[in-house]
Amino acid sequence: MPHIALSEGLPGILGPMHFRPETAGPLNDLAEVLLRGPSSLSRGERELIASFVSSRNDCNFCCASHSAFAANQLEGGYAVVDAVKRDPDSAPISPKLRALLAVAGQVQKGGRSVTPAAVEAARRLGATDVEIHDTVLIAAAFCMYNRYVDGLATWAPEGRDAYETVADVIVNHGYRAAAAGAGGGAGK
């Protein structure tokens, strides 16, 4: 039961975004830029960072939705996403992405938890300053999105199938288009 009166039938972040659409716009714009805008990291890799952080924060809705978004954009799909959430050190991903996930994991614990050694390891493996910046910002943003969703006690559908329709919309049309179709919000 949500802590405030949210529209029935809108799971996760959709309910709060519909409740206060004037905040939904900037939140969706941030997601659009970070997860779909121009980058040397693929959209799937960036969604994987969001999924990873959300799993570490135990945010069921954000983890499930961004796992679907990542799986639909990564070669290897859910097998890769699940392996990263289980143990990024043994997951079938590039060493650079593994190092960026280590940075994201430190951000998830707290901004001051990010070590120079983790950043330098990512650089040694080919991460650019923009990729390091974006990894930190994705991780920080998803800590916020996760706390927004869980802080209002929103509900999350069970099972991967429940996230496939919105995954198709996000992957093919983006967060702004999904927001327009959902009355103010898209799956974060």
N, C-alpha and C. Protein backbone atom coordinates (compact mmCIF):
# COMPACT_ATOMS: atom_id res chain seq x y z
N MET A 1 0.84 -1.18 0.00
CA MET A 1 0.00 0.00 0.00
C MET A 1 0.88 1.24 0.00
N PRO A 2 0.80 2.07 -1.03
CA PRO A 2 1.62 3.28 -1.08
C PRO A 2 1.35 4.21 0.10
N HIS A 3 2.36 4.96 0.45
CA HIS A 3 2.25 5.90 1.57
C HIS A 3 1.39 7.11 1.25
N ILE A 4 1.17 7.41 -0.04
CA ILE A 4 0.31 8.51 -0.45
C ILE A 4 -0.68 7.97 -1.49
N ALA A 5 -1.69 8.76 -1.79
CA ALA A 5 -2.72 8.32 -2.74
C ALA A 5 -2.19 8.41 -4.17
N LEU A 6 -1.81 7.27 -4.72
CA LEU A 6 -1.32 7.19 -6.09
C LEU A 6 -2.38 6.54 -6.96
N SER A 7 -2.34 6.83 -8.24
CA SER A 7 -3.30 6.23 -9.18
C SER A 7 -3.19 4.71 -9.17
N GLU A 8 -4.34 4.06 -9.15
CA GLU A 8 -4.39 2.59 -9.19
C GLU A 8 -3.80 2.08 -10.49
N GLY A 9 -3.11 0.96 -10.42
CA GLY A 9 -2.64 0.29 -11.61
C GLY A 9 -1.34 0.81 -12.19
N LEU A 10 -0.72 1.82 -11.58
CA LEU A 10 0.54 2.34 -12.09
C LEU A 10 1.66 1.87 -11.15
N PRO A 11 2.46 0.91 -11.59
CA PRO A 11 3.49 0.34 -10.72
C PRO A 11 4.73 1.23 -10.62
N GLY A 12 5.53 0.95 -9.59
CA GLY A 12 6.83 1.57 -9.44
C GLY A 12 6.80 3.07 -9.57
N ILE A 13 7.71 3.60 -10.37
CA ILE A 13 7.86 5.05 -10.52
C ILE A 13 6.71 5.69 -11.28
N LEU A 14 5.93 4.89 -11.98
CA LEU A 14 4.82 5.45 -12.77
C LEU A 14 3.79 6.15 -11.89
N GLY A 15 3.48 5.57 -10.75
CA GLY A 15 2.50 6.19 -9.85
C GLY A 15 2.95 7.55 -9.36
N PRO A 16 4.14 7.67 -8.75
CA PRO A 16 4.61 8.99 -8.31
C PRO A 16 4.78 10.00 -9.44
N MET A 17 5.20 9.53 -10.62
CA MET A 17 5.35 10.46 -11.74
C MET A 17 4.00 10.97 -12.23
N HIS A 18 3.01 10.10 -12.21
CA HIS A 18 1.66 10.53 -12.59
C HIS A 18 1.10 11.48 -11.53
N PHE A 19 1.40 11.21 -10.27
CA PHE A 19 0.94 12.04 -9.15
C PHE A 19 1.49 13.47 -9.27
N ARG A 20 2.74 13.59 -9.71
CA ARG A 20 3.38 14.90 -9.79
C ARG A 20 4.16 15.03 -11.11
N PRO A 21 3.41 15.23 -12.20
CA PRO A 21 4.02 15.24 -13.53
C PRO A 21 5.06 16.34 -13.73
N GLU A 22 4.98 17.41 -12.97
CA GLU A 22 5.98 18.47 -13.13
C GLU A 22 7.37 18.00 -12.69
N THR A 23 7.46 16.98 -11.85
CA THR A 23 8.77 16.40 -11.51
C THR A 23 9.11 15.24 -12.45
N ALA A 24 8.11 14.66 -13.06
CA ALA A 24 8.35 13.53 -13.98
C ALA A 24 9.17 13.96 -15.19
N GLY A 25 8.90 15.14 -15.72
CA GLY A 25 9.61 15.61 -16.91
C GLY A 25 11.12 15.64 -16.72
N PRO A 26 11.61 16.34 -15.70
CA PRO A 26 13.06 16.37 -15.50
C PRO A 26 13.65 14.99 -15.19
N LEU A 27 12.93 14.17 -14.45
CA LEU A 27 13.44 12.83 -14.14
C LEU A 27 13.54 11.97 -15.40
N ASN A 28 12.54 12.05 -16.25
CA ASN A 28 12.59 11.31 -17.52
C ASN A 28 13.65 11.88 -18.46
N ASP A 29 13.81 13.20 -18.45
CA ASP A 29 14.85 13.80 -19.28
C ASP A 29 16.24 13.33 -18.85
N LEU A 30 16.46 13.25 -17.55
CA LEU A 30 17.75 12.76 -17.04
C LEU A 30 17.97 11.31 -17.47
N ALA A 31 16.96 10.47 -17.33
CA ALA A 31 17.09 9.07 -17.75
C ALA A 31 17.35 8.98 -19.25
N GLU A 32 16.68 9.80 -20.03
CA GLU A 32 16.86 9.79 -21.48
C GLU A 32 18.30 10.12 -21.86
N VAL A 33 18.84 11.16 -21.26
CA VAL A 33 20.22 11.57 -21.57
C VAL A 33 21.21 10.51 -21.09
N LEU A 34 21.07 10.07 -19.85
CA LEU A 34 22.04 9.13 -19.29
C LEU A 34 22.00 7.75 -19.94
N LEU A 35 20.80 7.25 -20.22
CA LEU A 35 20.67 5.87 -20.66
C LEU A 35 20.50 5.69 -22.16
N ARG A 36 20.13 6.77 -22.87
CA ARG A 36 19.87 6.64 -24.31
C ARG A 36 20.61 7.66 -25.16
N GLY A 37 21.16 8.70 -24.53
CA GLY A 37 21.85 9.73 -25.28
C GLY A 37 23.16 9.24 -25.87
N PRO A 38 23.81 10.08 -26.66
CA PRO A 38 25.08 9.69 -27.26
C PRO A 38 26.10 9.30 -26.18
N SER A 39 26.79 8.20 -26.41
CA SER A 39 27.78 7.70 -25.45
C SER A 39 28.62 6.63 -26.11
N SER A 40 29.83 6.48 -25.63
CA SER A 40 30.66 5.37 -26.08
C SER A 40 30.28 4.08 -25.37
N LEU A 41 29.50 4.16 -24.29
CA LEU A 41 28.91 2.97 -23.66
C LEU A 41 27.59 2.70 -24.37
N SER A 42 27.33 1.44 -24.65
CA SER A 42 26.07 1.11 -25.32
C SER A 42 24.89 1.37 -24.40
N ARG A 43 23.73 1.49 -24.99
CA ARG A 43 22.51 1.65 -24.19
C ARG A 43 22.34 0.46 -23.25
N GLY A 44 22.61 -0.73 -23.74
CA GLY A 44 22.49 -1.93 -22.90
C GLY A 44 23.45 -1.88 -21.72
N GLU A 45 24.68 -1.43 -21.93
CA GLU A 45 25.64 -1.33 -20.83
C GLU A 45 25.18 -0.32 -19.79
N ARG A 46 24.64 0.80 -20.25
CA ARG A 46 24.17 1.81 -19.31
C ARG A 46 22.95 1.33 -18.53
N GLU A 47 22.06 0.61 -19.21
CA GLU A 47 20.90 0.03 -18.50
C GLU A 47 21.37 -1.03 -17.50
N LEU A 48 22.44 -1.75 -17.86
CA LEU A 48 22.99 -2.76 -16.96
C LEU A 48 23.52 -2.11 -15.69
N ILE A 49 24.15 -0.96 -15.81
CA ILE A 49 24.61 -0.23 -14.62
C ILE A 49 23.41 0.15 -13.74
N ALA A 50 22.33 0.63 -14.37
CA ALA A 50 21.12 0.98 -13.62
C ALA A 50 20.52 -0.24 -12.93
N SER A 51 20.47 -1.35 -13.62
CA SER A 51 19.94 -2.59 -13.06
C SER A 51 20.80 -3.07 -11.89
N PHE A 52 22.11 -3.02 -12.08
CA PHE A 52 23.06 -3.46 -11.05
C PHE A 52 22.89 -2.65 -9.77
N VAL A 53 22.86 -1.33 -9.90
CA VAL A 53 22.70 -0.46 -8.73
C VAL A 53 21.34 -0.72 -8.07
N SER A 54 20.30 -0.84 -8.88
CA SER A 54 18.96 -1.09 -8.34
C SER A 54 18.89 -2.42 -7.61
N SER A 55 19.61 -3.43 -8.12
CA SER A 55 19.62 -4.73 -7.42
C SER A 55 20.33 -4.60 -6.09
N ARG A 56 21.41 -3.83 -6.05
CA ARG A 56 22.14 -3.62 -4.80
C ARG A 56 21.31 -2.83 -3.79
N ASN A 57 20.41 -1.99 -4.29
CA ASN A 57 19.52 -1.21 -3.42
C ASN A 57 18.24 -1.96 -3.09
N ASP A 58 18.11 -3.19 -3.57
CA ASP A 58 16.90 -4.01 -3.34
C ASP A 58 15.62 -3.32 -3.80
N CYS A 59 15.71 -2.56 -4.89
CA CYS A 59 14.52 -1.90 -5.45
C CYS A 59 13.95 -2.83 -6.52
N ASN A 60 12.94 -3.58 -6.18
CA ASN A 60 12.40 -4.60 -7.08
C ASN A 60 11.92 -4.03 -8.41
N PHE A 61 11.17 -2.93 -8.37
CA PHE A 61 10.64 -2.38 -9.62
C PHE A 61 11.76 -1.91 -10.55
N CYS A 62 12.67 -1.09 -10.03
CA CYS A 62 13.74 -0.56 -10.87
C CYS A 62 14.67 -1.66 -11.35
N CYS A 63 14.96 -2.61 -10.48
CA CYS A 63 15.83 -3.72 -10.88
C CYS A 63 15.16 -4.53 -11.99
N ALA A 64 13.90 -4.87 -11.82
CA ALA A 64 13.21 -5.69 -12.83
C ALA A 64 13.04 -4.93 -14.14
N SER A 65 12.66 -3.66 -14.07
CA SER A 65 12.43 -2.92 -15.31
C SER A 65 13.74 -2.68 -16.05
N HIS A 66 14.78 -2.25 -15.36
CA HIS A 66 16.04 -1.98 -16.05
C HIS A 66 16.78 -3.25 -16.43
N SER A 67 16.52 -4.35 -15.73
CA SER A 67 17.04 -5.64 -16.18
C SER A 67 16.43 -5.99 -17.53
N ALA A 68 15.13 -5.76 -17.68
CA ALA A 68 14.46 -6.02 -18.96
C ALA A 68 15.00 -5.10 -20.05
N PHE A 69 15.21 -3.83 -19.72
CA PHE A 69 15.71 -2.88 -20.71
C PHE A 69 17.12 -3.27 -21.15
N ALA A 70 17.96 -3.69 -20.19
CA ALA A 70 19.32 -4.11 -20.52
C ALA A 70 19.30 -5.41 -21.32
N ALA A 71 18.53 -6.38 -20.86
CA ALA A 71 18.49 -7.70 -21.53
C ALA A 71 18.05 -7.58 -22.98
N ASN A 72 17.15 -6.64 -23.25
CA ASN A 72 16.66 -6.44 -24.61
C ASN A 72 17.66 -5.71 -25.50
N GLN A 73 18.77 -5.24 -24.93
CA GLN A 73 19.75 -4.49 -25.71
C GLN A 73 21.16 -5.07 -25.65
N LEU A 74 21.34 -6.14 -24.89
CA LEU A 74 22.66 -6.75 -24.76
C LEU A 74 22.69 -8.12 -25.42
N GLU A 75 23.78 -8.40 -26.11
CA GLU A 75 23.98 -9.77 -26.60
C GLU A 75 24.11 -10.66 -25.37
N GLY A 76 23.37 -11.73 -25.35
CA GLY A 76 23.36 -12.61 -24.18
C GLY A 76 22.17 -12.37 -23.28
N GLY A 77 21.46 -11.26 -23.46
CA GLY A 77 20.21 -10.97 -22.76
C GLY A 77 20.26 -11.16 -21.26
N TYR A 78 19.22 -11.83 -20.75
CA TYR A 78 19.08 -12.01 -19.31
C TYR A 78 20.21 -12.82 -18.70
N ALA A 79 20.84 -13.71 -19.46
CA ALA A 79 21.95 -14.49 -18.90
C ALA A 79 23.07 -13.55 -18.44
N VAL A 80 23.36 -12.52 -19.24
CA VAL A 80 24.39 -11.55 -18.87
C VAL A 80 23.92 -10.71 -17.70
N VAL A 81 22.70 -10.21 -17.76
CA VAL A 81 22.16 -9.36 -16.69
C VAL A 81 22.17 -10.12 -15.36
N ASP A 82 21.69 -11.35 -15.37
CA ASP A 82 21.66 -12.14 -14.13
C ASP A 82 23.05 -12.43 -13.61
N ALA A 83 23.99 -12.71 -14.51
CA ALA A 83 25.37 -12.99 -14.10
C ALA A 83 25.99 -11.76 -13.44
N VAL A 84 25.73 -10.58 -13.99
CA VAL A 84 26.27 -9.34 -13.40
C VAL A 84 25.69 -9.11 -12.02
N LYS A 85 24.39 -9.30 -11.87
CA LYS A 85 23.78 -9.07 -10.56
C LYS A 85 24.27 -10.10 -9.54
N ARG A 86 24.52 -11.30 -9.99
CA ARG A 86 24.99 -12.36 -9.10
C ARG A 86 26.45 -12.13 -8.69
N ASP A 87 27.31 -11.88 -9.68
CA ASP A 87 28.74 -11.71 -9.41
C ASP A 87 29.41 -11.04 -10.61
N PRO A 88 29.53 -9.71 -10.58
CA PRO A 88 30.11 -9.02 -11.73
C PRO A 88 31.54 -9.46 -12.05
N ASP A 89 32.26 -9.94 -11.05
CA ASP A 89 33.64 -10.36 -11.30
C ASP A 89 33.75 -11.58 -12.21
N SER A 90 32.70 -12.41 -12.24
CA SER A 90 32.75 -13.59 -13.11
C SER A 90 31.78 -13.50 -14.29
N ALA A 91 31.09 -12.39 -14.42
CA ALA A 91 30.10 -12.22 -15.49
C ALA A 91 30.80 -12.09 -16.85
N PRO A 92 30.12 -12.52 -17.92
CA PRO A 92 30.70 -12.44 -19.27
C PRO A 92 30.57 -11.04 -19.87
N ILE A 93 31.33 -10.10 -19.30
CA ILE A 93 31.34 -8.71 -19.75
C ILE A 93 32.80 -8.29 -19.94
N SER A 94 32.98 -7.15 -20.58
CA SER A 94 34.34 -6.67 -20.82
C SER A 94 35.00 -6.25 -19.50
N PRO A 95 36.32 -6.33 -19.43
CA PRO A 95 37.02 -5.86 -18.23
C PRO A 95 36.71 -4.39 -17.93
N LYS A 96 36.58 -3.56 -18.97
CA LYS A 96 36.26 -2.15 -18.74
C LYS A 96 34.89 -2.00 -18.07
N LEU A 97 33.89 -2.72 -18.56
CA LEU A 97 32.56 -2.63 -17.95
C LEU A 97 32.59 -3.16 -16.52
N ARG A 98 33.35 -4.23 -16.29
CA ARG A 98 33.48 -4.77 -14.93
C ARG A 98 34.06 -3.70 -14.00
N ALA A 99 35.08 -2.97 -14.47
CA ALA A 99 35.67 -1.91 -13.65
C ALA A 99 34.69 -0.76 -13.42
N LEU A 100 33.90 -0.42 -14.43
CA LEU A 100 32.90 0.63 -14.26
C LEU A 100 31.81 0.18 -13.28
N LEU A 101 31.44 -1.08 -13.31
CA LEU A 101 30.46 -1.60 -12.34
C LEU A 101 31.02 -1.54 -10.92
N ALA A 102 32.33 -1.74 -10.78
CA ALA A 102 32.95 -1.62 -9.45
C ALA A 102 32.81 -0.18 -8.95
N VAL A 103 33.02 0.78 -9.84
CA VAL A 103 32.83 2.19 -9.46
C VAL A 103 31.36 2.43 -9.10
N ALA A 104 30.44 1.92 -9.91
CA ALA A 104 29.01 2.09 -9.63
C ALA A 104 28.64 1.47 -8.28
N GLY A 105 29.21 0.32 -7.98
CA GLY A 105 28.95 -0.32 -6.68
C GLY A 105 29.45 0.53 -5.52
N GLN A 106 30.57 1.21 -5.72
CA GLN A 106 31.06 2.10 -4.67
C GLN A 106 30.15 3.32 -4.51
N VAL A 107 29.67 3.87 -5.62
CA VAL A 107 28.73 4.99 -5.55
C VAL A 107 27.48 4.56 -4.79
N GLN A 108 26.99 3.36 -5.07
CA GLN A 108 25.78 2.86 -4.41
C GLN A 108 25.95 2.85 -2.89
N LYS A 109 27.15 2.56 -2.43
CA LYS A 109 27.41 2.55 -0.98
C LYS A 109 27.47 3.97 -0.42
N GLY A 110 27.93 4.91 -1.23
CA GLY A 110 28.05 6.31 -0.82
C GLY A 110 29.06 7.00 -1.70
N GLY A 111 28.82 8.23 -2.06
CA GLY A 111 29.70 8.94 -2.97
C GLY A 111 31.16 8.96 -2.53
N ARG A 112 31.38 9.08 -1.26
CA ARG A 112 32.76 9.12 -0.76
C ARG A 112 33.39 7.74 -0.69
N SER A 113 32.63 6.72 -1.03
CA SER A 113 33.17 5.36 -1.08
C SER A 113 33.96 5.10 -2.35
N VAL A 114 33.81 5.97 -3.35
CA VAL A 114 34.53 5.79 -4.61
C VAL A 114 36.01 6.06 -4.37
N THR A 115 36.82 5.08 -4.71
CA THR A 115 38.26 5.18 -4.45
C THR A 115 39.03 5.60 -5.70
N PRO A 116 40.13 6.31 -5.51
CA PRO A 116 40.99 6.61 -6.64
C PRO A 116 41.46 5.33 -7.35
N ALA A 117 41.68 4.28 -6.59
CA ALA A 117 42.14 3.01 -7.18
C ALA A 117 41.09 2.44 -8.13
N ALA A 118 39.82 2.53 -7.78
CA ALA A 118 38.76 2.01 -8.65
C ALA A 118 38.67 2.83 -9.93
N VAL A 119 38.78 4.14 -9.80
CA VAL A 119 38.73 5.00 -10.98
C VAL A 119 39.95 4.74 -11.87
N GLU A 120 41.12 4.63 -11.26
CA GLU A 120 42.33 4.37 -12.04
C GLU A 120 42.26 3.00 -12.72
N ALA A 121 41.69 2.01 -12.05
CA ALA A 121 41.54 0.68 -12.68
C ALA A 121 40.64 0.78 -13.91
N ALA A 122 39.57 1.55 -13.81
CA ALA A 122 38.68 1.73 -14.97
C ALA A 122 39.44 2.43 -16.10
N ARG A 123 40.21 3.44 -15.76
CA ARG A 123 41.02 4.15 -16.79
C ARG A 123 42.01 3.21 -17.46
N ARG A 124 42.71 2.40 -16.66
CA ARG A 124 43.70 1.47 -17.22
C ARG A 124 43.06 0.50 -18.20
N LEU A 125 41.77 0.21 -17.99
CA LEU A 125 41.06 -0.74 -18.86
C LEU A 125 40.34 -0.03 -20.01
N GLY A 126 40.61 1.25 -20.18
CA GLY A 126 40.10 1.97 -21.34
C GLY A 126 38.93 2.90 -21.11
N ALA A 127 38.47 3.04 -19.86
CA ALA A 127 37.34 3.94 -19.59
C ALA A 127 37.79 5.39 -19.74
N THR A 128 36.99 6.16 -20.43
CA THR A 128 37.25 7.59 -20.59
C THR A 128 36.70 8.35 -19.39
N ASP A 129 37.09 9.61 -19.29
CA ASP A 129 36.54 10.44 -18.21
C ASP A 129 35.03 10.59 -18.35
N VAL A 130 34.53 10.67 -19.58
CA VAL A 130 33.09 10.78 -19.79
C VAL A 130 32.40 9.49 -19.32
N GLU A 131 32.97 8.34 -19.63
CA GLU A 131 32.36 7.07 -19.18
C GLU A 131 32.38 6.95 -17.66
N ILE A 132 33.46 7.40 -17.03
CA ILE A 132 33.53 7.38 -15.57
C ILE A 132 32.49 8.35 -15.00
N HIS A 133 32.42 9.55 -15.56
CA HIS A 133 31.41 10.52 -15.12
C HIS A 133 30.01 9.95 -15.23
N ASP A 134 29.70 9.40 -16.41
CA ASP A 134 28.35 8.90 -16.63
C ASP A 134 28.03 7.70 -15.75
N THR A 135 29.01 6.85 -15.49
CA THR A 135 28.79 5.72 -14.58
C THR A 135 28.44 6.22 -13.19
N VAL A 136 29.19 7.20 -12.71
CA VAL A 136 28.92 7.76 -11.38
C VAL A 136 27.53 8.40 -11.35
N LEU A 137 27.20 9.15 -12.40
CA LEU A 137 25.90 9.83 -12.41
C LEU A 137 24.75 8.83 -12.56
N ILE A 138 24.91 7.80 -13.38
CA ILE A 138 23.87 6.76 -13.48
C ILE A 138 23.66 6.11 -12.11
N ALA A 139 24.76 5.74 -11.47
CA ALA A 139 24.65 5.08 -10.16
C ALA A 139 23.99 6.01 -9.13
N ALA A 140 24.40 7.27 -9.11
CA ALA A 140 23.81 8.22 -8.16
C ALA A 140 22.34 8.46 -8.47
N ALA A 141 22.02 8.63 -9.75
CA ALA A 141 20.63 8.85 -10.14
C ALA A 141 19.76 7.66 -9.75
N PHE A 142 20.28 6.45 -9.94
CA PHE A 142 19.46 5.29 -9.61
C PHE A 142 19.32 5.08 -8.12
N CYS A 143 20.27 5.54 -7.33
CA CYS A 143 20.04 5.55 -5.89
C CYS A 143 18.84 6.45 -5.58
N MET A 144 18.77 7.61 -6.25
CA MET A 144 17.64 8.52 -6.06
C MET A 144 16.34 7.88 -6.56
N TYR A 145 16.34 7.38 -7.81
CA TYR A 145 15.13 6.76 -8.35
C TYR A 145 14.66 5.61 -7.45
N ASN A 146 15.59 4.79 -7.00
CA ASN A 146 15.24 3.65 -6.13
C ASN A 146 14.60 4.12 -4.83
N ARG A 147 15.15 5.15 -4.25
CA ARG A 147 14.60 5.65 -2.99
C ARG A 147 13.26 6.34 -3.20
N TYR A 148 13.08 6.96 -4.35
CA TYR A 148 11.80 7.56 -4.71
C TYR A 148 10.71 6.49 -4.79
N VAL A 149 11.00 5.43 -5.51
CA VAL A 149 10.05 4.33 -5.69
C VAL A 149 9.74 3.63 -4.37
N ASP A 150 10.79 3.26 -3.64
CA ASP A 150 10.59 2.50 -2.40
C ASP A 150 10.19 3.39 -1.24
N GLY A 151 10.61 4.66 -1.26
CA GLY A 151 10.24 5.58 -0.18
C GLY A 151 8.76 5.89 -0.14
N LEU A 152 8.08 5.72 -1.29
CA LEU A 152 6.63 5.91 -1.34
C LEU A 152 5.88 4.59 -1.30
N ALA A 153 6.62 3.49 -1.11
CA ALA A 153 6.03 2.15 -0.99
C ALA A 153 5.17 1.79 -2.20
N THR A 154 5.70 2.05 -3.40
CA THR A 154 4.98 1.68 -4.61
C THR A 154 5.02 0.16 -4.78
N TRP A 155 4.23 -0.35 -5.67
CA TRP A 155 4.20 -1.80 -5.91
C TRP A 155 4.90 -2.13 -7.21
N ALA A 156 5.36 -3.37 -7.28
CA ALA A 156 6.06 -3.84 -8.49
C ALA A 156 5.42 -5.14 -8.95
N PRO A 157 5.13 -5.24 -10.24
CA PRO A 157 4.61 -6.50 -10.77
C PRO A 157 5.64 -7.62 -10.60
N GLU A 158 5.15 -8.82 -10.48
CA GLU A 158 6.02 -9.99 -10.36
C GLU A 158 6.29 -10.58 -11.74
N GLY A 159 7.46 -11.12 -11.93
CA GLY A 159 7.78 -11.85 -13.15
C GLY A 159 8.28 -10.96 -14.27
N ARG A 160 9.19 -11.52 -15.05
CA ARG A 160 9.81 -10.77 -16.15
C ARG A 160 8.82 -10.38 -17.24
N ASP A 161 7.85 -11.20 -17.49
CA ASP A 161 6.89 -10.91 -18.56
C ASP A 161 6.19 -9.57 -18.36
N ALA A 162 6.00 -9.18 -17.11
CA ALA A 162 5.30 -7.94 -16.80
C ALA A 162 6.07 -6.71 -17.27
N TYR A 163 7.36 -6.86 -17.55
CA TYR A 163 8.20 -5.72 -17.92
C TYR A 163 8.55 -5.69 -19.41
N GLU A 164 8.15 -6.69 -20.16
CA GLU A 164 8.53 -6.78 -21.56
C GLU A 164 7.86 -5.73 -22.44
N THR A 165 6.61 -5.39 -22.19
CA THR A 165 5.94 -4.39 -23.01
C THR A 165 6.59 -3.03 -22.84
N VAL A 166 6.85 -2.64 -21.59
CA VAL A 166 7.48 -1.34 -21.37
C VAL A 166 8.92 -1.37 -21.87
N ALA A 167 9.58 -2.54 -21.79
CA ALA A 167 10.95 -2.65 -22.33
C ALA A 167 10.94 -2.36 -23.82
N ASP A 168 9.96 -2.87 -24.52
CA ASP A 168 9.87 -2.62 -25.97
C ASP A 168 9.71 -1.13 -26.25
N VAL A 169 8.88 -0.45 -25.46
CA VAL A 169 8.66 0.99 -25.65
C VAL A 169 9.95 1.76 -25.35
N ILE A 170 10.59 1.46 -24.23
CA ILE A 170 11.81 2.17 -23.85
C ILE A 170 12.91 1.94 -24.88
N VAL A 171 13.14 0.69 -25.25
CA VAL A 171 14.21 0.36 -26.18
C VAL A 171 14.00 1.01 -27.54
N ASN A 172 12.77 1.01 -28.02
CA ASN A 172 12.50 1.51 -29.37
C ASN A 172 12.13 2.98 -29.46
N HIS A 173 11.62 3.55 -28.35
CA HIS A 173 11.12 4.93 -28.42
C HIS A 173 11.64 5.86 -27.33
N GLY A 174 12.15 5.33 -26.24
CA GLY A 174 12.76 6.14 -25.19
C GLY A 174 11.85 6.48 -24.03
N TYR A 175 12.46 7.12 -23.06
CA TYR A 175 11.76 7.47 -21.82
C TYR A 175 10.73 8.56 -22.02
N ARG A 176 11.02 9.53 -22.85
CA ARG A 176 10.05 10.61 -23.09
C ARG A 176 8.80 10.07 -23.76
N ALA A 177 8.97 9.18 -24.74
CA ALA A 177 7.81 8.59 -25.43
C ALA A 177 7.02 7.71 -24.47
N ALA A 178 7.72 6.96 -23.63
CA ALA A 178 7.02 6.13 -22.66
C ALA A 178 6.26 6.99 -21.67
N ALA A 179 6.86 8.12 -21.29
CA ALA A 179 6.19 9.03 -20.35
C ALA A 179 4.91 9.57 -20.95
N ALA A 180 4.95 9.93 -22.22
CA ALA A 180 3.76 10.46 -22.88
C ALA A 180 2.64 9.43 -22.93
N GLY A 181 3.01 8.17 -23.10
CA GLY A 181 2.02 7.10 -23.16
C GLY A 181 1.50 6.63 -21.83
N ALA A 182 2.23 6.96 -20.74
CA ALA A 182 1.83 6.48 -19.42
C ALA A 182 1.28 7.59 -18.54
N GLY A 183 0.99 8.73 -19.12
CA GLY A 183 0.43 9.81 -18.33
C GLY A 183 1.42 10.44 -17.38
N GLY A 184 2.71 10.47 -17.75
CA GLY A 184 3.66 11.20 -16.93
C GLY A 184 4.88 10.44 -16.53
N GLY A 185 4.99 9.15 -16.76
CA GLY A 185 6.19 8.47 -16.30
C GLY A 185 6.50 7.23 -17.09
N ALA A 186 7.73 6.81 -17.00
CA ALA A 186 8.19 5.56 -17.60
C ALA A 186 8.90 4.75 -16.56
N GLY A 187 9.11 3.49 -16.83
CA GLY A 187 9.74 2.60 -15.87
C GLY A 187 11.15 3.02 -15.50
N LYS A 188 11.38 3.39 -14.26
CA LYS A 188 12.73 3.64 -13.77
C LYS A 188 13.04 2.64 -12.73
